């Protein structure tokens, strides 16, 4: 996101940003082991648990500010 911010500052026409993965999910090469979504999935119960990164991203999106 910092790179996107720098691009905007130098004039890039950025109209959106997409997070790589909202939920933890199956990866063909590594199965369920890597967890890189914003929301952790308990695969036993399918409960969704927001990670710290989800709260951070929500704050950035809501405030339109990228805090250091």
Protein backbone atom coordinates (compact mmCIF):
# COMPACT_ATOMS: atom_id res chain seq x y z
CA UNK A 1 0.00 0.00 0.00
CA UNK A 2 2.91 2.32 0.60
CA UNK A 3 4.00 1.79 -3.02
CA UNK A 4 0.48 2.60 -4.24
CA UNK A 5 0.53 5.74 -2.11
CA UNK A 6 3.85 6.82 -3.61
CA UNK A 7 2.49 6.18 -7.12
CA UNK A 8 -0.51 8.41 -6.42
CA UNK A 9 1.80 11.14 -5.11
CA UNK A 10 3.70 11.18 -8.42
CA UNK A 11 0.53 11.28 -10.50
CA UNK A 12 -0.61 7.71 -11.11
CA UNK A 13 -4.35 7.38 -11.72
CA UNK A 14 -5.13 4.74 -9.07
CA UNK A 15 -8.83 3.95 -8.91
CA UNK A 16 -8.81 0.98 -6.60
CA UNK A 17 -6.82 -1.50 -4.56
CA UNK A 18 -7.54 -5.16 -3.96
CA UNK A 19 -6.21 -7.22 -1.06
CA UNK A 20 -4.60 -10.45 -2.26
CA UNK A 21 -6.85 -12.60 -0.09
CA UNK A 22 -9.72 -11.73 2.23
CA UNK A 23 -9.89 -15.22 3.77
CA UNK A 24 -7.30 -17.90 4.48
CA UNK A 25 -7.83 -20.59 1.85
CA UNK A 26 -6.41 -23.67 0.12
CA UNK A 27 -3.25 -23.18 -1.96
CA UNK A 28 -2.51 -25.90 -4.52
CA UNK A 29 1.22 -25.96 -3.79
CA UNK A 30 0.97 -25.78 0.02
CA UNK A 31 -2.51 -26.90 1.07
CA UNK A 32 -4.07 -25.05 4.02
CA UNK A 33 -0.77 -24.33 5.80
CA UNK A 34 0.02 -20.77 4.64
CA UNK A 35 -2.32 -18.24 6.20
CA UNK A 36 -2.23 -14.91 4.49
CA UNK A 37 -5.81 -13.70 4.35
CA UNK A 38 -7.10 -10.74 6.35
CA UNK A 39 -9.49 -13.11 8.13
CA UNK A 40 -8.43 -16.39 9.71
CA UNK A 41 -10.66 -19.36 8.97
CA UNK A 42 -11.01 -22.11 11.58
CA UNK A 43 -11.31 -25.01 9.15
CA UNK A 44 -12.96 -27.21 11.78
CA UNK A 45 -15.86 -24.87 12.53
CA UNK A 46 -15.56 -22.44 9.57
CA UNK A 47 -15.56 -19.57 12.07
CA UNK A 48 -14.09 -16.36 10.64
CA UNK A 49 -11.73 -14.44 12.94
CA UNK A 50 -10.48 -11.01 11.80
CA UNK A 51 -6.70 -10.66 12.13
CA UNK A 52 -4.87 -7.50 13.20
CA UNK A 53 -4.24 -6.81 9.51
CA UNK A 54 -8.01 -6.74 8.88
CA UNK A 55 -8.48 -4.10 11.56
CA UNK A 56 -5.54 -2.09 10.18
CA UNK A 57 -6.86 -2.29 6.62
CA UNK A 58 -10.32 -1.24 7.81
CA UNK A 59 -8.83 1.81 9.52
CA UNK A 60 -6.88 2.77 6.38
CA UNK A 61 -9.94 2.32 4.18
CA UNK A 62 -12.20 4.23 6.57
CA UNK A 63 -9.85 7.15 7.14
CA UNK A 64 -8.33 7.30 3.65
CA UNK A 65 -4.96 7.71 5.36
CA UNK A 66 -1.93 5.45 5.35
CA UNK A 67 -0.51 5.70 8.87
CA UNK A 68 3.16 4.78 9.34
